[in-house]
Amino acid sequence: VGALCWRVAPARLKRTELARKLFGDAELRARYRTGPRFTEAI
């Protein structure tokens, strides 16, 4: 769901660091089936 939110979010929202942190990592985790700690560490 987080990954979907990131894909449909307006461009101005995607430019904020918080949005990239919250939704960008979620998209990676959904694509690769990894947990938040592993993704953040990598």
PDB file of all heavy atoms in Angstrom:
ATOM      1  N   VAL A   1       0.844  -1.200   0.000  1.00  0.00           N
ATOM      2  CA  VAL A   1       0.000   0.000   0.000  1.00  0.00           C
ATOM      3  C   VAL A   1       0.882   1.255   0.000  1.00  0.00           C
ATOM      4  O   VAL A   1       0.615   2.215  -0.728  1.00  0.00           O
ATOM      5  CB  VAL A   1      -0.965  -0.006   1.209  1.00  0.00           C
ATOM      6  CG1 VAL A   1      -1.650   1.341   1.366  1.00  0.00           C
ATOM      7  CG2 VAL A   1      -1.992  -1.116   1.054  1.00  0.00           C
ATOM      8  N   GLY A   2       1.945   1.249   0.811  1.00  0.00           N
ATOM      9  CA  GLY A   2       2.868   2.376   0.826  1.00  0.00           C
ATOM     10  C   GLY A   2       3.505   2.604  -0.533  1.00  0.00           C
ATOM     11  O   GLY A   2       3.657   3.738  -0.983  1.00  0.00           O
ATOM     12  N   ALA A   3       3.869   1.515  -1.208  1.00  0.00           N
ATOM     13  CA  ALA A   3       4.468   1.630  -2.540  1.00  0.00           C
ATOM     14  C   ALA A   3       3.471   2.229  -3.529  1.00  0.00           C
ATOM     15  O   ALA A   3       3.831   3.068  -4.359  1.00  0.00           O
ATOM     16  CB  ALA A   3       4.941   0.261  -3.019  1.00  0.00           C
ATOM     17  N   LEU A   4       2.226   1.820  -3.435  1.00  0.00           N
ATOM     18  CA  LEU A   4       1.196   2.366  -4.316  1.00  0.00           C
ATOM     19  C   LEU A   4       1.013   3.858  -4.050  1.00  0.00           C
ATOM     20  O   LEU A   4       0.902   4.657  -4.981  1.00  0.00           O
ATOM     21  CB  LEU A   4      -0.126   1.624  -4.115  1.00  0.00           C
ATOM     22  CG  LEU A   4      -1.310   2.147  -4.914  1.00  0.00           C
ATOM     23  CD1 LEU A   4      -1.029   2.030  -6.410  1.00  0.00           C
ATOM     24  CD2 LEU A   4      -2.574   1.400  -4.551  1.00  0.00           C
ATOM     25  N   CYS A   5       0.989   4.248  -2.775  1.00  0.00           N
ATOM     26  CA  CYS A   5       0.856   5.671  -2.422  1.00  0.00           C
ATOM     27  C   CYS A   5       1.989   6.486  -3.040  1.00  0.00           C
ATOM     28  O   CYS A   5       1.774   7.592  -3.532  1.00  0.00           O
ATOM     29  CB  CYS A   5       0.850   5.850  -0.905  1.00  0.00           C
ATOM     30  SG  CYS A   5      -0.625   5.230  -0.105  1.00  0.00           S
ATOM     31  N   TRP A   6       3.190   5.937  -3.019  1.00  0.00           N
ATOM     32  CA  TRP A   6       4.343   6.641  -3.590  1.00  0.00           C
ATOM     33  C   TRP A   6       4.188   6.811  -5.091  1.00  0.00           C
ATOM     34  O   TRP A   6       4.457   7.864  -5.644  1.00  0.00           O
ATOM     35  CB  TRP A   6       5.619   5.880  -3.265  1.00  0.00           C
ATOM     36  CG  TRP A   6       6.840   6.483  -3.891  1.00  0.00           C
ATOM     37  CD1 TRP A   6       7.527   6.013  -4.957  1.00  0.00           C
ATOM     38  CD2 TRP A   6       7.506   7.685  -3.485  1.00  0.00           C
ATOM     39  NE1 TRP A   6       8.586   6.829  -5.246  1.00  0.00           N
ATOM     40  CE2 TRP A   6       8.598   7.866  -4.361  1.00  0.00           C
ATOM     41  CE3 TRP A   6       7.287   8.606  -2.479  1.00  0.00           C
ATOM     42  CZ2 TRP A   6       9.461   8.926  -4.251  1.00  0.00           C
ATOM     43  CZ3 TRP A   6       8.163   9.678  -2.373  1.00  0.00           C
ATOM     44  CH2 TRP A   6       9.229   9.833  -3.247  1.00  0.00           C
ATOM     45  N   ARG A   7       3.705   5.778  -5.765  1.00  0.00           N
ATOM     46  CA  ARG A   7       3.568   5.848  -7.219  1.00  0.00           C
ATOM     47  C   ARG A   7       2.543   6.886  -7.657  1.00  0.00           C
ATOM     48  O   ARG A   7       2.697   7.508  -8.691  1.00  0.00           O
ATOM     49  CB  ARG A   7       3.221   4.479  -7.789  1.00  0.00           C
ATOM     50  CG  ARG A   7       4.394   3.534  -7.831  1.00  0.00           C
ATOM     51  CD  ARG A   7       4.112   2.308  -8.683  1.00  0.00           C
ATOM     52  NE  ARG A   7       3.134   1.428  -8.086  1.00  0.00           N
ATOM     53  CZ  ARG A   7       3.420   0.439  -7.255  1.00  0.00           C
ATOM     54  NH1 ARG A   7       4.666   0.206  -6.919  1.00  0.00           N
ATOM     55  NH2 ARG A   7       2.473  -0.330  -6.766  1.00  0.00           N
ATOM     56  N   VAL A   8       1.476   7.073  -6.883  1.00  0.00           N
ATOM     57  CA  VAL A   8       0.423   8.004  -7.287  1.00  0.00           C
ATOM     58  C   VAL A   8       0.546   9.374  -6.626  1.00  0.00           C
ATOM     59  O   VAL A   8      -0.245  10.266  -6.895  1.00  0.00           O
ATOM     60  CB  VAL A   8      -0.988   7.416  -7.004  1.00  0.00           C
ATOM     61  CG1 VAL A   8      -1.192   6.128  -7.786  1.00  0.00           C
ATOM     62  CG2 VAL A   8      -1.212   7.212  -5.522  1.00  0.00           C
ATOM     63  N   ALA A   9       1.536   9.553  -5.772  1.00  0.00           N
ATOM     64  CA  ALA A   9       1.711  10.836  -5.074  1.00  0.00           C
ATOM     65  C   ALA A   9       2.116  11.934  -6.055  1.00  0.00           C
ATOM     66  O   ALA A   9       2.839  11.682  -7.013  1.00  0.00           O
ATOM     67  CB  ALA A   9       2.771  10.707  -3.986  1.00  0.00           C
ATOM     68  N   PRO A  10       1.652  13.172  -5.810  1.00  0.00           N
ATOM     69  CA  PRO A  10       2.059  14.279  -6.685  1.00  0.00           C
ATOM     70  C   PRO A  10       3.561  14.540  -6.570  1.00  0.00           C
ATOM     71  O   PRO A  10       4.181  14.262  -5.544  1.00  0.00           O
ATOM     72  CB  PRO A  10       1.259  15.481  -6.163  1.00  0.00           C
ATOM     73  CG  PRO A  10       0.624  15.055  -4.893  1.00  0.00           C
ATOM     74  CD  PRO A  10       0.731  13.574  -4.764  1.00  0.00           C
ATOM     75  N   ALA A  11       4.125  15.077  -7.635  1.00  0.00           N
ATOM     76  CA  ALA A  11       5.576  15.306  -7.693  1.00  0.00           C
ATOM     77  C   ALA A  11       6.068  16.202  -6.567  1.00  0.00           C
ATOM     78  O   ALA A  11       7.145  15.969  -6.010  1.00  0.00           O
ATOM     79  CB  ALA A  11       5.956  15.908  -9.047  1.00  0.00           C
ATOM     80  N   ARG A  12       5.299  17.230  -6.187  1.00  0.00           N
ATOM     81  CA  ARG A  12       5.761  18.139  -5.131  1.00  0.00           C
ATOM     82  C   ARG A  12       5.898  17.418  -3.795  1.00  0.00           C
ATOM     83  O   ARG A  12       6.764  17.731  -2.993  1.00  0.00           O
ATOM     84  CB  ARG A  12       4.852  19.355  -5.020  1.00  0.00           C
ATOM     85  CG  ARG A  12       3.484  19.070  -4.495  1.00  0.00           C
ATOM     86  CD  ARG A  12       2.634  20.354  -4.421  1.00  0.00           C
ATOM     87  NE  ARG A  12       1.340  20.048  -3.901  1.00  0.00           N
ATOM     88  CZ  ARG A  12       0.326  19.534  -4.584  1.00  0.00           C
ATOM     89  NH1 ARG A  12       0.482  19.278  -5.878  1.00  0.00           N
ATOM     90  NH2 ARG A  12      -0.828  19.277  -4.019  1.00  0.00           N
ATOM     91  N   LEU A  13       5.062  16.393  -3.555  1.00  0.00           N
ATOM     92  CA  LEU A  13       5.171  15.613  -2.326  1.00  0.00           C
ATOM     93  C   LEU A  13       6.411  14.720  -2.359  1.00  0.00           C
ATOM     94  O   LEU A  13       7.103  14.574  -1.363  1.00  0.00           O
ATOM     95  CB  LEU A  13       3.926  14.752  -2.113  1.00  0.00           C
ATOM     96  CG  LEU A  13       3.977  13.774  -0.939  1.00  0.00           C
ATOM     97  CD1 LEU A  13       4.044  14.548   0.375  1.00  0.00           C
ATOM     98  CD2 LEU A  13       2.776  12.865  -0.943  1.00  0.00           C
ATOM     99  N   LYS A  14       6.705  14.171  -3.512  1.00  0.00           N
ATOM    100  CA  LYS A  14       7.855  13.275  -3.639  1.00  0.00           C
ATOM    101  C   LYS A  14       9.178  13.994  -3.422  1.00  0.00           C
ATOM    102  O   LYS A  14      10.186  13.373  -3.145  1.00  0.00           O
ATOM    103  CB  LYS A  14       7.857  12.604  -5.013  1.00  0.00           C
ATOM    104  CG  LYS A  14       6.765  11.584  -5.190  1.00  0.00           C
ATOM    105  CD  LYS A  14       6.878  10.941  -6.553  1.00  0.00           C
ATOM    106  CE  LYS A  14       5.820   9.900  -6.763  1.00  0.00           C
ATOM    107  NZ  LYS A  14       5.955   9.249  -8.059  1.00  0.00           N
ATOM    108  N   ARG A  15       9.187  15.305  -3.555  1.00  0.00           N
ATOM    109  CA  ARG A  15      10.431  16.057  -3.389  1.00  0.00           C
ATOM    110  C   ARG A  15      10.821  16.227  -1.926  1.00  0.00           C
ATOM    111  O   ARG A  15      11.950  16.577  -1.641  1.00  0.00           O
ATOM    112  CB  ARG A  15      10.305  17.424  -4.055  1.00  0.00           C
ATOM    113  CG  ARG A  15      10.416  17.356  -5.565  1.00  0.00           C
ATOM    114  CD  ARG A  15      10.596  18.731  -6.161  1.00  0.00           C
ATOM    115  NE  ARG A  15       9.432  19.578  -5.990  1.00  0.00           N
ATOM    116  CZ  ARG A  15       8.446  19.707  -6.881  1.00  0.00           C
ATOM    117  NH1 ARG A  15       8.491  19.029  -8.006  1.00  0.00           N
ATOM    118  NH2 ARG A  15       7.430  20.504  -6.659  1.00  0.00           N
ATOM    119  N   THR A  16       9.915  15.993  -1.002  1.00  0.00           N
ATOM    120  CA  THR A  16      10.259  16.174   0.410  1.00  0.00           C
ATOM    121  C   THR A  16      11.043  14.971   0.903  1.00  0.00           C
ATOM    122  O   THR A  16      10.788  13.833   0.509  1.00  0.00           O
ATOM    123  CB  THR A  16       8.996  16.355   1.276  1.00  0.00           C
ATOM    124  OG1 THR A  16       8.254  15.140   1.285  1.00  0.00           O
ATOM    125  CG2 THR A  16       8.135  17.490   0.775  1.00  0.00           C
ATOM    126  N   GLU A  17      11.991  15.222   1.765  1.00  0.00           N
ATOM    127  CA  GLU A  17      12.843  14.151   2.299  1.00  0.00           C
ATOM    128  C   GLU A  17      12.028  13.138   3.087  1.00  0.00           C
ATOM    129  O   GLU A  17      12.245  11.937   2.996  1.00  0.00           O
ATOM    130  CB  GLU A  17      13.940  14.755   3.181  1.00  0.00           C
ATOM    131  CG  GLU A  17      14.954  13.751   3.672  1.00  0.00           C
ATOM    132  CD  GLU A  17      15.705  13.060   2.542  1.00  0.00           C
ATOM    133  OE1 GLU A  17      15.966  13.687   1.514  1.00  0.00           O
ATOM    134  OE2 GLU A  17      16.025  11.868   2.704  1.00  0.00           O
ATOM    135  N   LEU A  18      11.067  13.607   3.871  1.00  0.00           N
ATOM    136  CA  LEU A  18      10.241  12.707   4.668  1.00  0.00           C
ATOM    137  C   LEU A  18       9.442  11.761   3.769  1.00  0.00           C
ATOM    138  O   LEU A  18       9.373  10.564   4.029  1.00  0.00           O
ATOM    139  CB  LEU A  18       9.290  13.500   5.569  1.00  0.00           C
ATOM    140  CG  LEU A  18       8.336  12.665   6.422  1.00  0.00           C
ATOM    141  CD1 LEU A  18       9.130  11.762   7.364  1.00  0.00           C
ATOM    142  CD2 LEU A  18       7.396  13.561   7.192  1.00  0.00           C
ATOM    143  N   ALA A  19       8.880  12.287   2.707  1.00  0.00           N
ATOM    144  CA  ALA A  19       8.100  11.446   1.793  1.00  0.00           C
ATOM    145  C   ALA A  19       8.989  10.390   1.142  1.00  0.00           C
ATOM    146  O   ALA A  19       8.599   9.232   1.019  1.00  0.00           O
ATOM    147  CB  ALA A  19       7.424  12.300   0.724  1.00  0.00           C
ATOM    148  N   ARG A  20      10.188  10.808   0.730  1.00  0.00           N
ATOM    149  CA  ARG A  20      11.109   9.823   0.127  1.00  0.00           C
ATOM    150  C   ARG A  20      11.454   8.736   1.125  1.00  0.00           C
ATOM    151  O   ARG A  20      11.536   7.564   0.785  1.00  0.00           O
ATOM    152  CB  ARG A  20      12.368  10.521  -0.372  1.00  0.00           C
ATOM    153  CG  ARG A  20      12.205  11.159  -1.730  1.00  0.00           C
ATOM    154  CD  ARG A  20      13.555  11.486  -2.352  1.00  0.00           C
ATOM    155  NE  ARG A  20      14.324  12.410  -1.560  1.00  0.00           N
ATOM    156  CZ  ARG A  20      14.247  13.734  -1.656  1.00  0.00           C
ATOM    157  NH1 ARG A  20      13.431  14.288  -2.505  1.00  0.00           N
ATOM    158  NH2 ARG A  20      14.992  14.505  -0.908  1.00  0.00           N
ATOM    159  N   LYS A  21      11.656   9.129   2.376  1.00  0.00           N
ATOM    160  CA  LYS A  21      12.004   8.157   3.409  1.00  0.00           C
ATOM    161  C   LYS A  21      10.848   7.201   3.678  1.00  0.00           C
ATOM    162  O   LYS A  21      11.016   5.996   3.743  1.00  0.00           O
ATOM    163  CB  LYS A  21      12.400   8.900   4.703  1.00  0.00           C
ATOM    164  CG  LYS A  21      12.738   7.997   5.844  1.00  0.00           C
ATOM    165  CD  LYS A  21      14.017   7.264   5.563  1.00  0.00           C
ATOM    166  CE  LYS A  21      14.385   6.411   6.750  1.00  0.00           C
ATOM    167  NZ  LYS A  21      14.927   5.150   6.351  1.00  0.00           N
ATOM    168  N   LEU A  22       9.640   7.750   3.827  1.00  0.00           N
ATOM    169  CA  LEU A  22       8.486   6.918   4.173  1.00  0.00           C
ATOM    170  C   LEU A  22       8.027   6.039   3.024  1.00  0.00           C
ATOM    171  O   LEU A  22       7.774   4.857   3.199  1.00  0.00           O
ATOM    172  CB  LEU A  22       7.316   7.800   4.626  1.00  0.00           C
ATOM    173  CG  LEU A  22       7.485   8.513   5.955  1.00  0.00           C
ATOM    174  CD1 LEU A  22       6.297   9.419   6.209  1.00  0.00           C
ATOM    175  CD2 LEU A  22       7.643   7.510   7.083  1.00  0.00           C
ATOM    176  N   PHE A  23       7.897   6.635   1.839  1.00  0.00           N
ATOM    177  CA  PHE A  23       7.288   5.891   0.735  1.00  0.00           C
ATOM    178  C   PHE A  23       8.303   5.263  -0.201  1.00  0.00           C
ATOM    179  O   PHE A  23       8.065   4.206  -0.761  1.00  0.00           O
ATOM    180  CB  PHE A  23       6.329   6.790  -0.042  1.00  0.00           C
ATOM    181  CG  PHE A  23       5.175   7.257   0.786  1.00  0.00           C
ATOM    182  CD1 PHE A  23       5.010   8.598   1.071  1.00  0.00           C
ATOM    183  CD2 PHE A  23       4.270   6.357   1.305  1.00  0.00           C
ATOM    184  CE1 PHE A  23       3.955   9.032   1.844  1.00  0.00           C
ATOM    185  CE2 PHE A  23       3.205   6.785   2.082  1.00  0.00           C
ATOM    186  CZ  PHE A  23       3.042   8.124   2.350  1.00  0.00           C
ATOM    187  N   GLY A  24       9.450   5.920  -0.397  1.00  0.00           N
ATOM    188  CA  GLY A  24      10.470   5.350  -1.276  1.00  0.00           C
ATOM    189  C   GLY A  24      10.984   4.020  -0.757  1.00  0.00           C
ATOM    190  O   GLY A  24      11.110   3.049  -1.486  1.00  0.00           O
ATOM    191  N   ASP A  25      11.270   3.946   0.549  1.00  0.00           N
ATOM    192  CA  ASP A  25      11.714   2.690   1.148  1.00  0.00           C
ATOM    193  C   ASP A  25      10.612   1.641   1.082  1.00  0.00           C
ATOM    194  O   ASP A  25      10.877   0.461   0.883  1.00  0.00           O
ATOM    195  CB  ASP A  25      12.129   2.899   2.604  1.00  0.00           C
ATOM    196  CG  ASP A  25      13.441   3.672   2.737  1.00  0.00           C
ATOM    197  OD1 ASP A  25      14.053   3.986   1.696  1.00  0.00           O
ATOM    198  OD2 ASP A  25      13.826   3.961   3.869  1.00  0.00           O
ATOM    199  N   ALA A  26       9.362   2.064   1.248  1.00  0.00           N
ATOM    200  CA  ALA A  26       8.242   1.123   1.187  1.00  0.00           C
ATOM    201  C   ALA A  26       8.139   0.499  -0.193  1.00  0.00           C
ATOM    202  O   ALA A  26       7.858  -0.693  -0.326  1.00  0.00           O
ATOM    203  CB  ALA A  26       6.936   1.831   1.550  1.00  0.00           C
ATOM    204  N   GLU A  27       8.380   1.297  -1.222  1.00  0.00           N
ATOM    205  CA  GLU A  27       8.335   0.753  -2.577  1.00  0.00           C
ATOM    206  C   GLU A  27       9.432  -0.289  -2.776  1.00  0.00           C
ATOM    207  O   GLU A  27       9.194  -1.357  -3.343  1.00  0.00           O
ATOM    208  CB  GLU A  27       8.476   1.869  -3.607  1.00  0.00           C
ATOM    209  CG  GLU A  27       8.358   1.361  -5.024  1.00  0.00           C
ATOM    210  CD  GLU A  27       8.423   2.475  -6.050  1.00  0.00           C
ATOM    211  OE1 GLU A  27       8.800   3.610  -5.706  1.00  0.00           O
ATOM    212  OE2 GLU A  27       8.097   2.183  -7.206  1.00  0.00           O
ATOM    213  N   LEU A  28      10.637  -0.003  -2.284  1.00  0.00           N
ATOM    214  CA  LEU A  28      11.721  -0.975  -2.388  1.00  0.00           C
ATOM    215  C   LEU A  28      11.384  -2.252  -1.622  1.00  0.00           C
ATOM    216  O   LEU A  28      11.599  -3.355  -2.114  1.00  0.00           O
ATOM    217  CB  LEU A  28      13.024  -0.382  -1.845  1.00  0.00           C
ATOM    218  CG  LEU A  28      13.732   0.641  -2.711  1.00  0.00           C
ATOM    219  CD1 LEU A  28      14.920   1.226  -1.962  1.00  0.00           C
ATOM    220  CD2 LEU A  28      14.160   0.034  -4.023  1.00  0.00           C
ATOM    221  N   ARG A  29      10.856  -2.094  -0.404  1.00  0.00           N
ATOM    222  CA  ARG A  29      10.530  -3.268   0.415  1.00  0.00           C
ATOM    223  C   ARG A  29       9.464  -4.122  -0.255  1.00  0.00           C
ATOM    224  O   ARG A  29       9.513  -5.348  -0.194  1.00  0.00           O
ATOM    225  CB  ARG A  29      10.100  -2.840   1.815  1.00  0.00           C
ATOM    226  CG  ARG A  29      11.240  -2.281   2.624  1.00  0.00           C
ATOM    227  CD  ARG A  29      10.941  -2.204   4.106  1.00  0.00           C
ATOM    228  NE  ARG A  29       9.660  -1.665   4.465  1.00  0.00           N
ATOM    229  CZ  ARG A  29       9.411  -0.376   4.700  1.00  0.00           C
ATOM    230  NH1 ARG A  29      10.376   0.503   4.611  1.00  0.00           N
ATOM    231  NH2 ARG A  29       8.211   0.023   5.042  1.00  0.00           N
ATOM    232  N   ALA A  30       8.482  -3.488  -0.888  1.00  0.00           N
ATOM    233  CA  ALA A  30       7.430  -4.247  -1.577  1.00  0.00           C
ATOM    234  C   ALA A  30       8.014  -4.991  -2.773  1.00  0.00           C
ATOM    235  O   ALA A  30       7.679  -6.158  -3.007  1.00  0.00           O
ATOM    236  CB  ALA A  30       6.308  -3.315  -2.027  1.00  0.00           C
ATOM    237  N   ARG A  31       8.871  -4.323  -3.520  1.00  0.00           N
ATOM    238  CA  ARG A  31       9.442  -4.950  -4.711  1.00  0.00           C
ATOM    239  C   ARG A  31      10.332  -6.136  -4.357  1.00  0.00           C
ATOM    240  O   ARG A  31      10.319  -7.158  -5.026  1.00  0.00           O
ATOM    241  CB  ARG A  31      10.237  -3.908  -5.494  1.00  0.00           C
ATOM    242  CG  ARG A  31      10.783  -4.462  -6.805  1.00  0.00           C
ATOM    243  CD  ARG A  31      11.582  -3.455  -7.589  1.00  0.00           C
ATOM    244  NE  ARG A  31      11.048  -2.122  -7.507  1.00  0.00           N
ATOM    245  CZ  ARG A  31      11.812  -1.025  -7.476  1.00  0.00           C
ATOM    246  NH1 ARG A  31      13.121  -1.118  -7.517  1.00  0.00           N
ATOM    247  NH2 ARG A  31      11.272   0.170  -7.403  1.00  0.00           N
ATOM    248  N   TYR A  32      11.128  -6.002  -3.294  1.00  0.00           N
ATOM    249  CA  TYR A  32      12.118  -7.022  -2.968  1.00  0.00           C
ATOM    250  C   TYR A  32      11.736  -7.907  -1.784  1.00  0.00           C
ATOM    251  O   TYR A  32      12.507  -8.781  -1.410  1.00  0.00           O
ATOM    252  CB  TYR A  32      13.470  -6.367  -2.683  1.00  0.00           C
ATOM    253  CG  TYR A  32      14.059  -5.704  -3.898  1.00  0.00           C
ATOM    254  CD1 TYR A  32      14.099  -4.322  -4.010  1.00  0.00           C
ATOM    255  CD2 TYR A  32      14.572  -6.461  -4.936  1.00  0.00           C
ATOM    256  CE1 TYR A  32      14.645  -3.710  -5.122  1.00  0.00           C
ATOM    257  CE2 TYR A  32      15.123  -5.865  -6.045  1.00  0.00           C
ATOM    258  CZ  TYR A  32      15.160  -4.487  -6.137  1.00  0.00           C
ATOM    259  OH  TYR A  32      15.704  -3.894  -7.239  1.00  0.00           O
ATOM    260  N   ARG A  33      10.579  -7.671  -1.180  1.00  0.00           N
ATOM    261  CA  ARG A  33      10.113  -8.439  -0.018  1.00  0.00           C
ATOM    262  C   ARG A  33      11.151  -8.429   1.102  1.00  0.00           C
ATOM    263  O   ARG A  33      11.532  -9.469   1.629  1.00  0.00           O
ATOM    264  CB  ARG A  33       9.775  -9.868  -0.416  1.00  0.00           C
ATOM    265  CG  ARG A  33       8.592  -9.981  -1.312  1.00  0.00           C
ATOM    266  CD  ARG A  33       8.209 -11.378  -1.634  1.00  0.00           C
ATOM    267  NE  ARG A  33       9.087 -12.396  -1.100  1.00  0.00           N
ATOM    268  CZ  ARG A  33       9.041 -13.663  -1.407  1.00  0.00           C
ATOM    269  NH1 ARG A  33       8.171 -14.095  -2.252  1.00  0.00           N
ATOM    270  NH2 ARG A  33       9.870 -14.524  -0.871  1.00  0.00           N
ATOM    271  N   THR A  34      11.622  -7.249   1.455  1.00  0.00           N
ATOM    272  CA  THR A  34      12.584  -7.109   2.545  1.00  0.00           C
ATOM    273  C   THR A  34      11.945  -6.317   3.680  1.00  0.00           C
ATOM    274  O   THR A  34      11.003  -5.566   3.464  1.00  0.00           O
ATOM    275  CB  THR A  34      13.857  -6.371   2.089  1.00  0.00           C
ATOM    276  OG1 THR A  34      13.503  -5.081   1.594  1.00  0.00           O
ATOM    277  CG2 THR A  34      14.592  -7.146   1.017  1.00  0.00           C
ATOM    278  N   GLY A  35      12.461  -6.495   4.852  1.00  0.00           N
ATOM    279  CA  GLY A  35      11.975  -5.761   6.013  1.00  0.00           C
ATOM    280  C   GLY A  35      12.564  -4.364   6.073  1.00  0.00           C
ATOM    281  O   GLY A  35      13.553  -4.058   5.399  1.00  0.00           O
ATOM    282  N   PRO A  36      11.977  -3.492   6.912  1.00  0.00           N
ATOM    283  CA  PRO A  36      12.453  -2.105   6.975  1.00  0.00           C
ATOM    284  C   PRO A  36      13.885  -1.973   7.484  1.00  0.00           C
ATOM    285  O   PRO A  36      14.648  -1.156   6.970  1.00  0.00           O
ATOM    286  CB  PRO A  36      11.463  -1.417   7.915  1.00  0.00           C
ATOM    287  CG  PRO A  36      10.747  -2.500   8.626  1.00  0.00           C
ATOM    288  CD  PRO A  36      10.821  -3.715   7.764  1.00  0.00           C
ATOM    289  N   ARG A  37      14.276  -2.777   8.467  1.00  0.00           N
ATOM    290  CA  ARG A  37      15.638  -2.659   9.004  1.00  0.00           C
ATOM    291  C   ARG A  37      16.676  -3.096   7.973  1.00  0.00           C
ATOM    292  O   ARG A  37      17.719  -2.470   7.833  1.00  0.00           O
ATOM    293  CB  ARG A  37      15.766  -3.483  10.286  1.00  0.00           C
ATOM    294  CG  ARG A  37      15.035  -2.846  11.452  1.00  0.00           C
ATOM    295  CD  ARG A  37      15.060  -3.638  12.722  1.00  0.00           C
ATOM    296  NE  ARG A  37      16.343  -4.230  13.019  1.00  0.00           N
ATOM    297  CZ  ARG A  37      16.507  -5.277  13.804  1.00  0.00           C
ATOM    298  NH1 ARG A  37      15.482  -5.850  14.378  1.00  0.00           N
ATOM    299  NH2 ARG A  37      17.706  -5.760  14.035  1.00  0.00           N
ATOM    300  N   PHE A  38      16.404  -4.185   7.267  1.00  0.00           N
ATOM    301  CA  PHE A  38      17.337  -4.668   6.251  1.00  0.00           C
ATOM    302  C   PHE A  38      17.460  -3.649   5.128  1.00  0.00           C
ATOM    303  O   PHE A  38      18.574  -3.296   4.713  1.00  0.00           O
ATOM    304  CB  PHE A  38      16.864  -6.017   5.697  1.00  0.00           C
ATOM    305  CG  PHE A  38      17.765  -6.565   4.620  1.00  0.00           C
ATOM    306  CD1 PHE A  38      18.956  -7.181   4.953  1.00  0.00           C
ATOM    307  CD2 PHE A  38      17.426  -6.459   3.285  1.00  0.00           C
ATOM    308  CE1 PHE A  38      19.797  -7.693   3.963  1.00  0.00           C
ATOM    309  CE2 PHE A  38      18.254  -6.956   2.294  1.00  0.00           C
ATOM    310  CZ  PHE A  38      19.440  -7.578   2.637  1.00  0.00           C
ATOM    311  N   THR A  39      16.324  -3.150   4.650  1.00  0.00           N
ATOM    312  CA  THR A  39      16.345  -2.173   3.560  1.00  0.00           C
ATOM    313  C   THR A  39      17.102  -0.917   3.966  1.00  0.00           C
ATOM    314  O   THR A  39      17.938  -0.418   3.211  1.00  0.00           O
ATOM    315  CB  THR A  39      14.903  -1.811   3.140  1.00  0.00           C
ATOM    316  OG1 THR A  39      14.208  -3.013   2.802  1.00  0.00           O
ATOM    317  CG2 THR A  39      14.905  -0.870   1.947  1.00  0.00           C
ATOM    318  N   GLU A  40      16.825  -0.418   5.155  1.00  0.00           N
ATOM    319  CA  GLU A  40      17.504   0.780   5.640  1.00  0.00           C
ATOM    320  C   GLU A  40      19.013   0.546   5.767  1.00  0.00           C
ATOM    321  O   GLU A  40      19.824   1.395   5.391  1.00  0.00           O
ATOM    322  CB  GLU A  40      16.934   1.204   6.986  1.00  0.00           C
ATOM    323  CG  GLU A  40      17.539   2.486   7.515  1.00  0.00           C
ATOM    324  CD  GLU A  40      16.958   2.868   8.867  1.00  0.00           C
ATOM    325  OE1 GLU A  40      15.794   2.548   9.132  1.00  0.00           O
ATOM    326  OE2 GLU A  40      17.712   3.487   9.645  1.00  0.00           O
ATOM    327  N   ALA A  41      19.402  -0.628   6.269  1.00  0.00           N
ATOM    328  CA  ALA A  41      20.829  -0.939   6.430  1.00  0.00           C
ATOM    329  C   ALA A  41      21.532  -1.001   5.072  1.00  0.00           C
ATOM    330  O   ALA A  41      22.637  -0.470   4.918  1.00  0.00           O
ATOM    331  CB  ALA A  41      21.002  -2.256   7.181  1.00  0.00           C
ATOM    332  N   ILE A  42      20.894  -1.629   4.096  1.00  0.00           N
ATOM    333  CA  ILE A  42      21.506  -1.721   2.760  1.00  0.00           C
ATOM    334  C   ILE A  42      21.623  -0.333   2.141  1.00  0.00           C
ATOM    335  O   ILE A  42      22.659   0.017   1.568  1.00  0.00           O
ATOM    336  CB  ILE A  42      20.691  -2.663   1.842  1.00  0.00           C
ATOM    337  CG1 ILE A  42      20.827  -4.111   2.302  1.00  0.00           C
ATOM    338  CG2 ILE A  42      21.114  -2.517   0.375  1.00  0.00           C
ATOM    339  CD1 ILE A  42      22.217  -4.689   2.184  1.00  0.00           C
TER     340      ILE A  42
END
